[in-house]
Amino acid sequence: MAAVWHFYRDSFRNMTWGRPLVFLILLKFFILFAILRVFFFKPVMAGLSDEERSRVVGERLASPPTDPPAGNTYNL
């Protein structure tokens, strides 16, 4: 396992664009997981008690799936 780590570490050190590439990858992960989650993927059941959450999950599991929106055709 250490040999694999050393291989990648030495490869990035020897690359001309190694450090900027690693920086861009880390920046991308930060944007995907931190910023997008905060602004676009808010928790649906925030503020509910444990009993309310379990009730909502039970209702969603027990209810039949909803129909697709009008205009969409699916070949099922």
PDB file of N, CA and C in Angstrom:
ATOM      1  N   MET A   1       0.822  -1.186   0.000  1.00  0.00           N
ATOM      2  CA  MET A   1       0.000   0.000   0.000  1.00  0.00           C
ATOM      3  C   MET A   1       0.870   1.254   0.000  1.00  0.00           C
ATOM      4  N   ALA A   2       1.954   1.199   0.732  1.00  0.00           N
ATOM      5  CA  ALA A   2       2.850   2.352   0.779  1.00  0.00           C
ATOM      6  C   ALA A   2       3.508   2.588  -0.569  1.00  0.00           C
ATOM      7  N   ALA A   3       3.753   1.528  -1.303  1.00  0.00           N
ATOM      8  CA  ALA A   3       4.371   1.686  -2.617  1.00  0.00           C
ATOM      9  C   ALA A   3       3.446   2.429  -3.572  1.00  0.00           C
ATOM     10  N   VAL A   4       2.166   2.164  -3.475  1.00  0.00           N
ATOM     11  CA  VAL A   4       1.194   2.871  -4.325  1.00  0.00           C
ATOM     12  C   VAL A   4       1.184   4.349  -3.975  1.00  0.00           C
ATOM     13  N   TRP A   5       1.170   4.665  -2.683  1.00  0.00           N
ATOM     14  CA  TRP A   5       1.182   6.067  -2.251  1.00  0.00           C
ATOM     15  C   TRP A   5       2.444   6.776  -2.749  1.00  0.00           C
ATOM     16  N   HIS A   6       3.578   6.130  -2.607  1.00  0.00           N
ATOM     17  CA  HIS A   6       4.834   6.729  -3.067  1.00  0.00           C
ATOM     18  C   HIS A   6       4.832   6.929  -4.590  1.00  0.00           C
ATOM     19  N   PHE A   7       4.238   6.004  -5.308  1.00  0.00           N
ATOM     20  CA  PHE A   7       4.143   6.130  -6.758  1.00  0.00           C
ATOM     21  C   PHE A   7       3.365   7.388  -7.139  1.00  0.00           C
ATOM     22  N   TYR A   8       2.192   7.578  -6.543  1.00  0.00           N
ATOM     23  CA  TYR A   8       1.395   8.759  -6.860  1.00  0.00           C
ATOM     24  C   TYR A   8       2.064  10.041  -6.371  1.00  0.00           C
ATOM     25  N   ARG A   9       2.617  10.010  -5.198  1.00  0.00           N
ATOM     26  CA  ARG A   9       3.277  11.197  -4.658  1.00  0.00           C
ATOM     27  C   ARG A   9       4.437  11.635  -5.547  1.00  0.00           C
ATOM     28  N   ASP A  10       5.282  10.693  -5.911  1.00  0.00           N
ATOM     29  CA  ASP A  10       6.432  11.022  -6.755  1.00  0.00           C
ATOM     30  C   ASP A  10       5.997  11.442  -8.151  1.00  0.00           C
ATOM     31  N   SER A  11       4.923  10.851  -8.655  1.00  0.00           N
ATOM     32  CA  SER A  11       4.428  11.224  -9.976  1.00  0.00           C
ATOM     33  C   SER A  11       3.949  12.666  -9.989  1.00  0.00           C
ATOM     34  N   PHE A  12       3.189  13.064  -8.973  1.00  0.00           N
ATOM     35  CA  PHE A  12       2.710  14.440  -8.920  1.00  0.00           C
ATOM     36  C   PHE A  12       3.844  15.433  -8.690  1.00  0.00           C
ATOM     37  N   ARG A  13       4.853  15.032  -7.972  1.00  0.00           N
ATOM     38  CA  ARG A  13       6.003  15.926  -7.758  1.00  0.00           C
ATOM     39  C   ARG A  13       6.768  16.169  -9.048  1.00  0.00           C
ATOM     40  N   ASN A  14       6.857  15.149  -9.881  1.00  0.00           N
ATOM     41  CA  ASN A  14       7.631  15.272 -11.110  1.00  0.00           C
ATOM     42  C   ASN A  14       6.845  15.915 -12.251  1.00  0.00           C
ATOM     43  N   MET A  15       5.542  16.022 -12.107  1.00  0.00           N
ATOM     44  CA  MET A  15       4.735  16.631 -13.162  1.00  0.00           C
ATOM     45  C   MET A  15       4.875  18.142 -13.131  1.00  0.00           C
ATOM     46  N   THR A  16       4.795  18.747 -14.301  1.00  0.00           N
ATOM     47  CA  THR A  16       4.851  20.205 -14.384  1.00  0.00           C
ATOM     48  C   THR A  16       3.592  20.814 -13.780  1.00  0.00           C
ATOM     49  N   TRP A  17       2.462  20.207 -14.057  1.00  0.00           N
ATOM     50  CA  TRP A  17       1.179  20.733 -13.586  1.00  0.00           C
ATOM     51  C   TRP A  17       0.654  19.951 -12.378  1.00  0.00           C
ATOM     52  N   GLY A  18       1.500  19.233 -11.669  1.00  0.00           N
ATOM     53  CA  GLY A  18       1.053  18.370 -10.579  1.00  0.00           C
ATOM     54  C   GLY A  18       0.369  19.101  -9.454  1.00  0.00           C
ATOM     55  N   ARG A  19       0.999  20.131  -8.923  1.00  0.00           N
ATOM     56  CA  ARG A  19       0.403  20.836  -7.785  1.00  0.00           C
ATOM     57  C   ARG A  19      -0.854  21.612  -8.163  1.00  0.00           C
ATOM     58  N   PRO A  20      -0.860  22.335  -9.282  1.00  0.00           N
ATOM     59  CA  PRO A  20      -2.119  22.999  -9.660  1.00  0.00           C
ATOM     60  C   PRO A  20      -3.246  21.999  -9.930  1.00  0.00           C
ATOM     61  N   LEU A  21      -2.907  20.839 -10.462  1.00  0.00           N
ATOM     62  CA  LEU A  21      -3.918  19.824 -10.716  1.00  0.00           C
ATOM     63  C   LEU A  21      -4.527  19.320  -9.412  1.00  0.00           C
ATOM     64  N   VAL A  22      -3.688  19.037  -8.435  1.00  0.00           N
ATOM     65  CA  VAL A  22      -4.194  18.592  -7.130  1.00  0.00           C
ATOM     66  C   VAL A  22      -5.031  19.692  -6.497  1.00  0.00           C
ATOM     67  N   PHE A  23      -4.595  20.936  -6.606  1.00  0.00           N
ATOM     68  CA  PHE A  23      -5.366  22.049  -6.062  1.00  0.00           C
ATOM     69  C   PHE A  23      -6.734  22.156  -6.728  1.00  0.00           C
ATOM     70  N   LEU A  24      -6.787  22.005  -8.051  1.00  0.00           N
ATOM     71  CA  LEU A  24      -8.066  22.067  -8.749  1.00  0.00           C
ATOM     72  C   LEU A  24      -8.991  20.922  -8.361  1.00  0.00           C
ATOM     73  N   ILE A  25      -8.440  19.740  -8.167  1.00  0.00           N
ATOM     74  CA  ILE A  25      -9.253  18.600  -7.741  1.00  0.00           C
ATOM     75  C   ILE A  25      -9.834  18.846  -6.358  1.00  0.00           C
ATOM     76  N   LEU A  26      -9.012  19.328  -5.433  1.00  0.00           N
ATOM     77  CA  LEU A  26      -9.513  19.616  -4.084  1.00  0.00           C
ATOM     78  C   LEU A  26     -10.543  20.742  -4.089  1.00  0.00           C
ATOM     79  N   LEU A  27     -10.329  21.765  -4.922  1.00  0.00           N
ATOM     80  CA  LEU A  27     -11.292  22.849  -5.042  1.00  0.00           C
ATOM     81  C   LEU A  27     -12.621  22.343  -5.596  1.00  0.00           C
ATOM     82  N   LYS A  28     -12.560  21.454  -6.563  1.00  0.00           N
ATOM     83  CA  LYS A  28     -13.772  20.869  -7.138  1.00  0.00           C
ATOM     84  C   LYS A  28     -14.552  20.093  -6.081  1.00  0.00           C
ATOM     85  N   PHE A  29     -13.881  19.268  -5.306  1.00  0.00           N
ATOM     86  CA  PHE A  29     -14.553  18.526  -4.249  1.00  0.00           C
ATOM     87  C   PHE A  29     -15.160  19.463  -3.209  1.00  0.00           C
ATOM     88  N   PHE A  30     -14.455  20.521  -2.875  1.00  0.00           N
ATOM     89  CA  PHE A  30     -14.995  21.486  -1.918  1.00  0.00           C
ATOM     90  C   PHE A  30     -16.264  22.121  -2.465  1.00  0.00           C
ATOM     91  N   ILE A  31     -16.237  22.518  -3.724  1.00  0.00           N
ATOM     92  CA  ILE A  31     -17.421  23.141  -4.320  1.00  0.00           C
ATOM     93  C   ILE A  31     -18.582  22.158  -4.375  1.00  0.00           C
ATOM     94  N   LEU A  32     -18.310  20.932  -4.784  1.00  0.00           N
ATOM     95  CA  LEU A  32     -19.380  19.946  -4.895  1.00  0.00           C
ATOM     96  C   LEU A  32     -20.013  19.605  -3.554  1.00  0.00           C
ATOM     97  N   PHE A  33     -19.194  19.374  -2.550  1.00  0.00           N
ATOM     98  CA  PHE A  33     -19.724  18.867  -1.297  1.00  0.00           C
ATOM     99  C   PHE A  33     -20.073  19.938  -0.284  1.00  0.00           C
ATOM    100  N   ALA A  34     -19.459  21.078  -0.326  1.00  0.00           N
ATOM    101  CA  ALA A  34     -19.738  22.109   0.678  1.00  0.00           C
ATOM    102  C   ALA A  34     -20.709  23.154   0.156  1.00  0.00           C
ATOM    103  N   ILE A  35     -20.366  23.796  -0.924  1.00  0.00           N
ATOM    104  CA  ILE A  35     -21.168  24.923  -1.388  1.00  0.00           C
ATOM    105  C   ILE A  35     -22.485  24.459  -1.997  1.00  0.00           C
ATOM    106  N   LEU A  36     -22.462  23.473  -2.884  1.00  0.00           N
ATOM    107  CA  LEU A  36     -23.698  23.031  -3.504  1.00  0.00           C
ATOM    108  C   LEU A  36     -24.658  22.432  -2.489  1.00  0.00           C
ATOM    109  N   ARG A  37     -24.150  21.736  -1.506  1.00  0.00           N
ATOM    110  CA  ARG A  37     -25.022  21.141  -0.498  1.00  0.00           C
ATOM    111  C   ARG A  37     -25.712  22.218   0.318  1.00  0.00           C
ATOM    112  N   VAL A  38     -25.001  23.257   0.659  1.00  0.00           N
ATOM    113  CA  VAL A  38     -25.574  24.313   1.497  1.00  0.00           C
ATOM    114  C   VAL A  38     -26.676  25.055   0.765  1.00  0.00           C
ATOM    115  N   PHE A  39     -26.465  25.356  -0.509  1.00  0.00           N
ATOM    116  CA  PHE A  39     -27.409  26.204  -1.217  1.00  0.00           C
ATOM    117  C   PHE A  39     -28.490  25.444  -1.975  1.00  0.00           C
ATOM    118  N   PHE A  40     -28.232  24.220  -2.409  1.00  0.00           N
ATOM    119  CA  PHE A  40     -29.198  23.531  -3.252  1.00  0.00           C
ATOM    120  C   PHE A  40     -29.796  22.268  -2.643  1.00  0.00           C
ATOM    121  N   PHE A  41     -29.125  21.646  -1.722  1.00  0.00           N
ATOM    122  CA  PHE A  41     -29.598  20.384  -1.176  1.00  0.00           C
ATOM    123  C   PHE A  41     -29.852  20.509   0.314  1.00  0.00           C
ATOM    124  N   LYS A  42     -30.832  21.299   0.652  1.00  0.00           N
ATOM    125  CA  LYS A  42     -31.168  21.482   2.057  1.00  0.00           C
ATOM    126  C   LYS A  42     -31.846  20.216   2.586  1.00  0.00           C
ATOM    127  N   PRO A  43     -31.641  19.895   3.839  1.00  0.00           N
ATOM    128  CA  PRO A  43     -32.289  18.713   4.411  1.00  0.00           C
ATOM    129  C   PRO A  43     -33.814  18.847   4.374  1.00  0.00           C
ATOM    130  N   VAL A  44     -34.471  17.828   3.867  1.00  0.00           N
ATOM    131  CA  VAL A  44     -35.919  17.866   3.698  1.00  0.00           C
ATOM    132  C   VAL A  44     -36.623  17.830   5.042  1.00  0.00           C
ATOM    133  N   MET A  45     -36.107  17.087   5.977  1.00  0.00           N
ATOM    134  CA  MET A  45     -36.788  16.916   7.252  1.00  0.00           C
ATOM    135  C   MET A  45     -36.108  17.683   8.384  1.00  0.00           C
ATOM    136  N   ALA A  46     -35.494  18.809   8.058  1.00  0.00           N
ATOM    137  CA  ALA A  46     -34.854  19.617   9.092  1.00  0.00           C
ATOM    138  C   ALA A  46     -35.920  20.196  10.012  1.00  0.00           C
ATOM    139  N   GLY A  47     -35.672  20.152  11.283  1.00  0.00           N
ATOM    140  CA  GLY A  47     -36.587  20.725  12.247  1.00  0.00           C
ATOM    141  C   GLY A  47     -37.652  19.763  12.743  1.00  0.00           C
ATOM    142  N   LEU A  48     -37.696  18.551  12.223  1.00  0.00           N
ATOM    143  CA  LEU A  48     -38.681  17.578  12.677  1.00  0.00           C
ATOM    144  C   LEU A  48     -38.089  16.744  13.815  1.00  0.00           C
ATOM    145  N   SER A  49     -38.957  16.331  14.702  1.00  0.00           N
ATOM    146  CA  SER A  49     -38.502  15.451  15.788  1.00  0.00           C
ATOM    147  C   SER A  49     -38.295  14.048  15.231  1.00  0.00           C
ATOM    148  N   ASP A  50     -37.713  13.173  16.037  1.00  0.00           N
ATOM    149  CA  ASP A  50     -37.456  11.801  15.597  1.00  0.00           C
ATOM    150  C   ASP A  50     -38.763  11.067  15.280  1.00  0.00           C
ATOM    151  N   GLU A  51     -39.790  11.300  16.088  1.00  0.00           N
ATOM    152  CA  GLU A  51     -41.070  10.652  15.837  1.00  0.00           C
ATOM    153  C   GLU A  51     -41.686  11.129  14.527  1.00  0.00           C
ATOM    154  N   GLU A  52     -41.591  12.431  14.257  1.00  0.00           N
ATOM    155  CA  GLU A  52     -42.139  12.971  13.010  1.00  0.00           C
ATOM    156  C   GLU A  52     -41.365  12.450  11.806  1.00  0.00           C
ATOM    157  N   ARG A  53     -40.052  12.342  11.954  1.00  0.00           N
ATOM    158  CA  ARG A  53     -39.235  11.811  10.859  1.00  0.00           C
ATOM    159  C   ARG A  53     -39.605  10.365  10.551  1.00  0.00           C
ATOM    160  N   SER A  54     -39.759   9.557  11.590  1.00  0.00           N
ATOM    161  CA  SER A  54     -40.109   8.155  11.363  1.00  0.00           C
ATOM    162  C   SER A  54     -41.496   8.039  10.751  1.00  0.00           C
ATOM    163  N   ARG A  55     -42.426   8.904  11.124  1.00  0.00           N
ATOM    164  CA  ARG A  55     -43.767   8.885  10.542  1.00  0.00           C
ATOM    165  C   ARG A  55     -43.712   9.244   9.059  1.00  0.00           C
ATOM    166  N   VAL A  56     -42.960  10.292   8.725  1.00  0.00           N
ATOM    167  CA  VAL A  56     -42.845  10.725   7.331  1.00  0.00           C
ATOM    168  C   VAL A  56     -42.193   9.637   6.487  1.00  0.00           C
ATOM    169  N   VAL A  57     -41.127   9.029   6.973  1.00  0.00           N
ATOM    170  CA  VAL A  57     -40.457   7.965   6.221  1.00  0.00           C
ATOM    171  C   VAL A  57     -41.396   6.780   6.039  1.00  0.00           C
ATOM    172  N   GLY A  58     -42.134   6.417   7.089  1.00  0.00           N
ATOM    173  CA  GLY A  58     -43.092   5.314   6.979  1.00  0.00           C
ATOM    174  C   GLY A  58     -44.177   5.601   5.967  1.00  0.00           C
ATOM    175  N   GLU A  59     -44.691   6.830   5.947  1.00  0.00           N
ATOM    176  CA  GLU A  59     -45.723   7.189   4.972  1.00  0.00           C
ATOM    177  C   GLU A  59     -45.175   7.131   3.545  1.00  0.00           C
ATOM    178  N   ARG A  60     -43.959   7.594   3.346  1.00  0.00           N
ATOM    179  CA  ARG A  60     -43.383   7.584   1.998  1.00  0.00           C
ATOM    180  C   ARG A  60     -43.073   6.171   1.526  1.00  0.00           C
ATOM    181  N   LEU A  61     -42.682   5.306   2.435  1.00  0.00           N
ATOM    182  CA  LEU A  61     -42.412   3.924   2.047  1.00  0.00           C
ATOM    183  C   LEU A  61     -43.700   3.162   1.756  1.00  0.00           C
ATOM    184  N   ALA A  62     -44.766   3.472   2.491  1.00  0.00           N
ATOM    185  CA  ALA A  62     -46.024   2.746   2.342  1.00  0.00           C
ATOM    186  C   ALA A  62     -46.868   3.264   1.188  1.00  0.00           C
ATOM    187  N   SER A  63     -46.671   4.506   0.760  1.00  0.00           N
ATOM    188  CA  SER A  63     -47.513   5.064  -0.295  1.00  0.00           C
ATOM    189  C   SER A  63     -47.031   4.583  -1.660  1.00  0.00           C
ATOM    190  N   PRO A  64     -47.959   4.456  -2.612  1.00  0.00           N
ATOM    191  CA  PRO A  64     -47.545   4.041  -3.959  1.00  0.00           C
ATOM    192  C   PRO A  64     -46.757   5.150  -4.638  1.00  0.00           C
ATOM    193  N   PRO A  65     -45.918   4.803  -5.589  1.00  0.00           N
ATOM    194  CA  PRO A  65     -45.140   5.836  -6.282  1.00  0.00           C
ATOM    195  C   PRO A  65     -46.065   6.759  -7.076  1.00  0.00           C
ATOM    196  N   THR A  66     -45.652   8.009  -7.193  1.00  0.00           N
ATOM    197  CA  THR A  66     -46.455   8.977  -7.922  1.00  0.00           C
ATOM    198  C   THR A  66     -46.242   8.799  -9.419  1.00  0.00           C
ATOM    199  N   ASP A  67     -47.221   9.235 -10.179  1.00  0.00           N
ATOM    200  CA  ASP A  67     -47.128   9.158 -11.636  1.00  0.00           C
ATOM    201  C   ASP A  67     -46.095  10.147 -12.134  1.00  0.00           C
ATOM    202  N   PRO A  68     -45.482   9.873 -13.285  1.00  0.00           N
ATOM    203  CA  PRO A  68     -44.526  10.836 -13.846  1.00  0.00           C
ATOM    204  C   PRO A  68     -45.253  12.107 -14.267  1.00  0.00           C
ATOM    205  N   PRO A  69     -44.565  13.218 -14.352  1.00  0.00           N
ATOM    206  CA  PRO A  69     -45.203  14.466 -14.770  1.00  0.00           C
ATOM    207  C   PRO A  69     -45.786  14.346 -16.174  1.00  0.00           C
ATOM    208  N   ALA A  70     -46.838  15.129 -16.424  1.00  0.00           N
ATOM    209  CA  ALA A  70     -47.498  15.089 -17.731  1.00  0.00           C
ATOM    210  C   ALA A  70     -46.511  15.500 -18.814  1.00  0.00           C
ATOM    211  N   GLY A  71     -46.625  14.857 -19.965  1.00  0.00           N
ATOM    212  CA  GLY A  71     -45.760  15.181 -21.086  1.00  0.00           C
ATOM    213  C   GLY A  71     -44.586  14.218 -21.226  1.00  0.00           C
ATOM    214  N   ASN A  72     -44.257  13.534 -20.168  1.00  0.00           N
ATOM    215  CA  ASN A  72     -43.167  12.558 -20.233  1.00  0.00           C
ATOM    216  C   ASN A  72     -43.742  11.201 -20.594  1.00  0.00           C
ATOM    217  N   THR A  73     -43.127  10.541 -21.528  1.00  0.00           N
ATOM    218  CA  THR A  73     -43.568   9.203 -21.891  1.00  0.00           C
ATOM    219  C   THR A  73     -42.469   8.214 -21.537  1.00  0.00           C
ATOM    220  N   TYR A  74     -42.881   7.151 -20.902  1.00  0.00           N
ATOM    221  CA  TYR A  74     -41.943   6.123 -20.502  1.00  0.00           C
ATOM    222  C   TYR A  74     -42.410   4.813 -21.126  1.00  0.00           C
ATOM    223  N   ASN A  75     -41.493   4.070 -21.654  1.00  0.00           N
ATOM    224  CA  ASN A  75     -41.819   2.761 -22.219  1.00  0.00           C
ATOM    225  C   ASN A  75     -41.547   1.710 -21.172  1.00  0.00           C
ATOM    226  N   LEU A  76     -42.541   1.457 -20.365  1.00  0.00           N
ATOM    227  CA  LEU A  76     -42.383   0.450 -19.304  1.00  0.00           C
ATOM    228  C   LEU A  76     -43.070  -0.817 -19.689  1.00  0.00           C
TER     229      LEU A  76
END
